[in-house]
C-alpha atoms as a PDB file:
ATOM      1  CA  MET A   1       4.897 -11.843 -10.219  1.00  0.00           C
ATOM      2  CA  ASN A   2       7.115 -12.535  -7.238  1.00  0.00           C
ATOM      3  CA  THR A   3       5.699 -13.960  -3.999  1.00  0.00           C
ATOM      4  CA  THR A   4       8.123 -13.718  -1.160  1.00  0.00           C
ATOM      5  CA  PHE A   5       8.455 -13.386   2.574  1.00  0.00           C
ATOM      6  CA  LYS A   6       9.553  -9.934   3.664  1.00  0.00           C
ATOM      7  CA  THR A   7       9.649  -7.883   6.801  1.00  0.00           C
ATOM      8  CA  LEU A   8       7.520  -4.815   7.239  1.00  0.00           C
ATOM      9  CA  GLU A   9      10.726  -2.779   7.238  1.00  0.00           C
ATOM     10  CA  SER A  10      11.738  -4.109   3.798  1.00  0.00           C
ATOM     11  CA  LEU A  11       8.261  -3.291   2.468  1.00  0.00           C
ATOM     12  CA  ILE A  12       8.612   0.301   3.702  1.00  0.00           C
ATOM     13  CA  HIS A  13      12.104   0.556   2.225  1.00  0.00           C
ATOM     14  CA  ASN A  14      10.637  -0.651  -1.076  1.00  0.00           C
ATOM     15  CA  SER A  15       8.087   2.150  -0.864  1.00  0.00           C
ATOM     16  CA  ILE A  16      10.818   4.685  -0.089  1.00  0.00           C
ATOM     17  CA  ASP A  17      12.768   3.478  -3.109  1.00  0.00           C
ATOM     18  CA  ILE A  18       9.738   3.920  -5.348  1.00  0.00           C
ATOM     19  CA  HIS A  19       9.274   7.485  -4.091  1.00  0.00           C
ATOM     20  CA  HIS A  20      12.933   8.263  -4.856  1.00  0.00           C
ATOM     21  CA  GLN A  21      12.688   6.724  -8.319  1.00  0.00           C
ATOM     22  CA  ALA A  22       9.465   8.610  -9.014  1.00  0.00           C
ATOM     23  CA  ALA A  23      11.137  11.881  -7.950  1.00  0.00           C
ATOM     24  CA  GLU A  24      14.012  11.216 -10.344  1.00  0.00           C
ATOM     25  CA  LEU A  25      11.558  10.395 -13.120  1.00  0.00           C
ATOM     26  CA  TYR A  26       9.544  13.571 -12.556  1.00  0.00           C
ATOM     27  CA  ARG A  27      12.694  15.709 -12.419  1.00  0.00           C
ATOM     28  CA  SER A  28      13.950  14.156 -15.651  1.00  0.00           C
ATOM     29  CA  LEU A  29      10.614  14.748 -17.378  1.00  0.00           C
ATOM     30  CA  GLU A  30      10.553  18.304 -16.027  1.00  0.00           C
ATOM     31  CA  ASN A  31      13.919  19.003 -17.641  1.00  0.00           C
ATOM     32  CA  GLU A  32      12.710  17.571 -20.956  1.00  0.00           C
ATOM     33  CA  SER A  33       9.376  19.384 -21.074  1.00  0.00           C
ATOM     34  CA  SER A  34       8.807  22.580 -23.028  1.00  0.00           C
ATOM     35  CA  ASP A  35       5.306  23.151 -21.584  1.00  0.00           C
ATOM     36  CA  GLU A  36       5.487  25.494 -18.590  1.00  0.00           C
ATOM     37  CA  ARG A  37       2.416  23.952 -16.945  1.00  0.00           C
ATOM     38  CA  CYS A  38       3.948  20.496 -17.210  1.00  0.00           C
ATOM     39  CA  ARG A  39       7.254  21.755 -15.847  1.00  0.00           C
ATOM     40  CA  ILE A  40       5.509  23.281 -12.817  1.00  0.00           C
ATOM     41  CA  LEU A  41       3.520  20.126 -12.094  1.00  0.00           C
ATOM     42  CA  LEU A  42       6.481  17.796 -12.569  1.00  0.00           C
ATOM     43  CA  GLY A  43       8.664  19.934 -10.303  1.00  0.00           C
ATOM     44  CA  GLU A  44       6.023  19.910  -7.581  1.00  0.00           C
ATOM     45  CA  MET A  45       5.569  16.169  -7.960  1.00  0.00           C
ATOM     46  CA  ALA A  46       9.302  15.530  -7.656  1.00  0.00           C
ATOM     47  CA  ASP A  47       9.446  17.612  -4.482  1.00  0.00           C
ATOM     48  CA  LYS A  48       6.435  15.802  -3.002  1.00  0.00           C
ATOM     49  CA  GLU A  49       7.913  12.387  -3.764  1.00  0.00           C
ATOM     50  CA  LEU A  50      11.064  13.330  -1.877  1.00  0.00           C
ATOM     51  CA  GLU A  51       8.942  14.575   1.036  1.00  0.00           C
ATOM     52  CA  MET A  52       7.061  11.265   1.083  1.00  0.00           C
ATOM     53  CA  ALA A  53      10.319   9.305   1.105  1.00  0.00           C
ATOM     54  CA  LYS A  54      11.525  11.401   4.036  1.00  0.00           C
ATOM     55  CA  LEU A  55       8.265  10.857   5.936  1.00  0.00           C
ATOM     56  CA  LEU A  56       8.514   7.105   5.461  1.00  0.00           C
ATOM     57  CA  GLU A  57      12.120   7.168   6.667  1.00  0.00           C
ATOM     58  CA  GLU A  58      10.915   8.996   9.779  1.00  0.00           C
ATOM     59  CA  PHE A  59       8.271   6.308  10.326  1.00  0.00           C
ATOM     60  CA  ILE A  60      11.028   3.690  10.302  1.00  0.00           C
ATOM     61  CA  GLN A  61      13.101   5.664  12.796  1.00  0.00           C
ATOM     62  CA  ARG A  62      10.160   6.055  15.199  1.00  0.00           C
ATOM     63  CA  THR A  63       8.955   2.452  14.973  1.00  0.00           C
ATOM     64  CA  SER A  64      10.275  -0.257  17.251  1.00  0.00           C
ATOM     65  CA  PRO A  65      12.459  -2.943  15.680  1.00  0.00           C
ATOM     66  CA  GLY A  66      10.002  -5.610  16.830  1.00  0.00           C
ATOM     67  CA  ILE A  67       7.238  -4.141  14.685  1.00  0.00           C
ATOM     68  CA  LEU A  68       9.557  -3.548  11.732  1.00  0.00           C
ATOM     69  CA  ASN A  69      10.679  -7.185  11.886  1.00  0.00           C
ATOM     70  CA  THR A  70       7.113  -8.435  11.393  1.00  0.00           C
ATOM     71  CA  TYR A  71       7.242 -10.971   8.576  1.00  0.00           C
ATOM     72  CA  MET A  72       4.588 -11.238   5.926  1.00  0.00           C
ATOM     73  CA  GLN A  73       4.070 -13.035   2.679  1.00  0.00           C
ATOM     74  CA  TYR A  74       2.978 -10.775  -0.107  1.00  0.00           C
ATOM     75  CA  THR A  75       2.852 -10.723  -3.856  1.00  0.00           C
ATOM     76  CA  LEU A  76       4.645  -7.928  -5.620  1.00  0.00           C
ATOM     77  CA  GLU A  77       2.775  -7.731  -8.897  1.00  0.00           C
ATOM     78  CA  GLU A  78       5.369  -5.583 -10.610  1.00  0.00           C
ATOM     79  CA  ASP A  79       8.991  -4.857  -9.842  1.00  0.00           C
ATOM     80  CA  PRO A  80       9.402  -1.186  -8.855  1.00  0.00           C
ATOM     81  CA  ASP A  81      12.196  -0.632 -11.389  1.00  0.00           C
ATOM     82  CA  ASP A  82      10.016  -2.090 -14.143  1.00  0.00           C
ATOM     83  CA  LEU A  83       7.039  -0.027 -13.007  1.00  0.00           C
ATOM     84  CA  VAL A  84       8.952   3.268 -13.179  1.00  0.00           C
ATOM     85  CA  ALA A  85      10.588   2.335 -16.490  1.00  0.00           C
ATOM     86  CA  ALA A  86       7.207   1.460 -18.013  1.00  0.00           C
ATOM     87  CA  ALA A  87       5.736   4.707 -16.688  1.00  0.00           C
ATOM     88  CA  ARG A  88       8.564   6.664 -18.292  1.00  0.00           C
ATOM     89  CA  ALA A  89       8.043   4.878 -21.603  1.00  0.00           C
ATOM     90  CA  GLU A  90       4.387   5.944 -21.641  1.00  0.00           C
ATOM     91  CA  GLY A  91       5.533   9.552 -21.689  1.00  0.00           C
ATOM     92  CA  ALA A  92       4.278  12.673 -20.003  1.00  0.00           C
ATOM     93  CA  ALA A  93       4.010  15.405 -22.599  1.00  0.00           C
ATOM     94  CA  THR A  94       0.664  16.755 -21.387  1.00  0.00           C
ATOM     95  CA  VAL A  95      -0.865  17.533 -18.010  1.00  0.00           C
ATOM     96  CA  GLU A  96      -3.320  14.676 -18.582  1.00  0.00           C
ATOM     97  CA  GLN A  97      -0.489  12.209 -19.250  1.00  0.00           C
ATOM     98  CA  ILE A  98       1.322  13.436 -16.156  1.00  0.00           C
ATOM     99  CA  GLY A  99      -1.879  12.927 -14.180  1.00  0.00           C
ATOM    100  CA  SER A 100      -2.160   9.368 -15.451  1.00  0.00           C
ATOM    101  CA  LEU A 101       1.491   8.709 -14.643  1.00  0.00           C
ATOM    102  CA  GLY A 102       1.125  10.046 -11.108  1.00  0.00           C
ATOM    103  CA  GLN A 103      -2.028   8.045 -10.482  1.00  0.00           C
ATOM    104  CA  LYS A 104      -0.315   4.880 -11.681  1.00  0.00           C
ATOM    105  CA  LEU A 105       2.626   5.365  -9.315  1.00  0.00           C
ATOM    106  CA  HIS A 106       0.400   6.368  -6.391  1.00  0.00           C
ATOM    107  CA  GLY A 107      -1.877   3.420  -7.138  1.00  0.00           C
ATOM    108  CA  TYR A 108       1.061   1.052  -6.918  1.00  0.00           C
ATOM    109  CA  GLN A 109       2.013   2.410  -3.489  1.00  0.00           C
ATOM    110  CA  ILE A 110      -1.572   2.129  -2.257  1.00  0.00           C
ATOM    111  CA  ASP A 111      -1.894  -1.433  -3.585  1.00  0.00           C
ATOM    112  CA  LEU A 112       1.375  -2.356  -1.894  1.00  0.00           C
ATOM    113  CA  MET A 113       0.158  -1.108   1.508  1.00  0.00           C
ATOM    114  CA  GLU A 114      -3.338  -2.560   1.125  1.00  0.00           C
ATOM    115  CA  GLY A 115      -1.893  -5.948   0.189  1.00  0.00           C
ATOM    116  CA  ALA A 116       0.380  -5.917   3.211  1.00  0.00           C
ATOM    117  CA  LEU A 117      -2.558  -5.083   5.493  1.00  0.00           C
ATOM    118  CA  HIS A 118      -4.052  -8.464   4.625  1.00  0.00           C
ATOM    119  CA  GLU A 119      -0.865 -10.295   5.519  1.00  0.00           C
ATOM    120  CA  VAL A 120      -0.077  -9.130   9.053  1.00  0.00           C
ATOM    121  CA  THR A 121      -1.809  -9.963  12.297  1.00  0.00           C
ATOM    122  CA  SER A 122       0.199  -7.857  14.719  1.00  0.00           C
ATOM    123  CA  GLU A 123      -1.958  -4.989  16.005  1.00  0.00           C
ATOM    124  CA  GLU A 124       1.006  -2.584  16.021  1.00  0.00           C
ATOM    125  CA  ALA A 125       2.037  -3.541  12.478  1.00  0.00           C
ATOM    126  CA  LEU A 126      -1.562  -3.113  11.301  1.00  0.00           C
ATOM    127  CA  GLU A 127      -1.705   0.362  12.833  1.00  0.00           C
ATOM    128  CA  LEU A 128       1.555   1.349  11.158  1.00  0.00           C
ATOM    129  CA  LEU A 129       0.416   0.046   7.777  1.00  0.00           C
ATOM    130  CA  GLU A 130      -2.925   1.798   8.116  1.00  0.00           C
ATOM    131  CA  ASP A 131      -1.129   5.078   8.894  1.00  0.00           C
ATOM    132  CA  LEU A 132       1.137   4.619   5.879  1.00  0.00           C
ATOM    133  CA  LEU A 133      -1.817   3.746   3.667  1.00  0.00           C
ATOM    134  CA  GLN A 134      -3.707   6.862   4.739  1.00  0.00           C
ATOM    135  CA  LEU A 135      -0.593   8.959   4.087  1.00  0.00           C
ATOM    136  CA  GLU A 136      -0.257   7.510   0.566  1.00  0.00           C
ATOM    137  CA  LYS A 137      -3.953   8.042  -0.157  1.00  0.00           C
ATOM    138  CA  ALA A 138      -3.815  11.631   1.087  1.00  0.00           C
ATOM    139  CA  GLU A 139      -0.817  12.332  -1.130  1.00  0.00           C
ATOM    140  CA  GLY A 140      -2.626  10.799  -4.095  1.00  0.00           C
ATOM    141  CA  ARG A 141      -5.618  13.076  -3.510  1.00  0.00           C
ATOM    142  CA  ALA A 142      -3.340  16.109  -3.127  1.00  0.00           C
ATOM    143  CA  PHE A 143      -1.640  15.206  -6.397  1.00  0.00           C
ATOM    144  CA  THR A 144      -4.993  15.015  -8.161  1.00  0.00           C
ATOM    145  CA  ARG A 145      -5.903  18.472  -6.865  1.00  0.00           C
ATOM    146  CA  ARG A 146      -2.551  19.889  -8.041  1.00  0.00           C
ATOM    147  CA  ALA A 147      -2.928  18.333 -11.481  1.00  0.00           C
ATOM    148  CA  ASP A 148      -6.486  19.651 -11.790  1.00  0.00           C
ATOM    149  CA  SER A 149      -5.440  23.181 -10.808  1.00  0.00           C
ATOM    150  CA  ILE A 150      -2.506  23.135 -13.247  1.00  0.00           C
ATOM    151  CA  HIS A 151      -4.812  21.842 -15.972  1.00  0.00           C
ATOM    152  CA  ASP A 152      -7.169  24.771 -15.401  1.00  0.00           C
ATOM    153  CA  MET A 153      -4.366  27.346 -15.815  1.00  0.00           C
END
């Protein structure tokens, strides 16, 4: 556990990094899988993670430096590199395992944003975090729908 003071911008960059790492993980697992359903789901997940990273980068570009420089104290329960490595070690040989993996990574992103919401008082920073949180939650729900539809194939 690592409690630290960070800016809102560094928190968003952390989230972007996780999305990139998750995309690499999904692409790697896609290349290793022999199950066509798993390959389809993992490929879609990798693409979506890259889209999410791009959306977050666009949020940074459109947000004023004053808001991005909002400092907060937050607790990062698990290092992103460790989180992705542990997720990889759990494996993803079945659609169900992939679903669990995706939920774990989405859950981390949601927890990160929800934790930050409790640490800022700036109205503009709160609005930005709420938007990012809703985006992460929507992507998590979309992932669940994709996994369910692949499972039913």
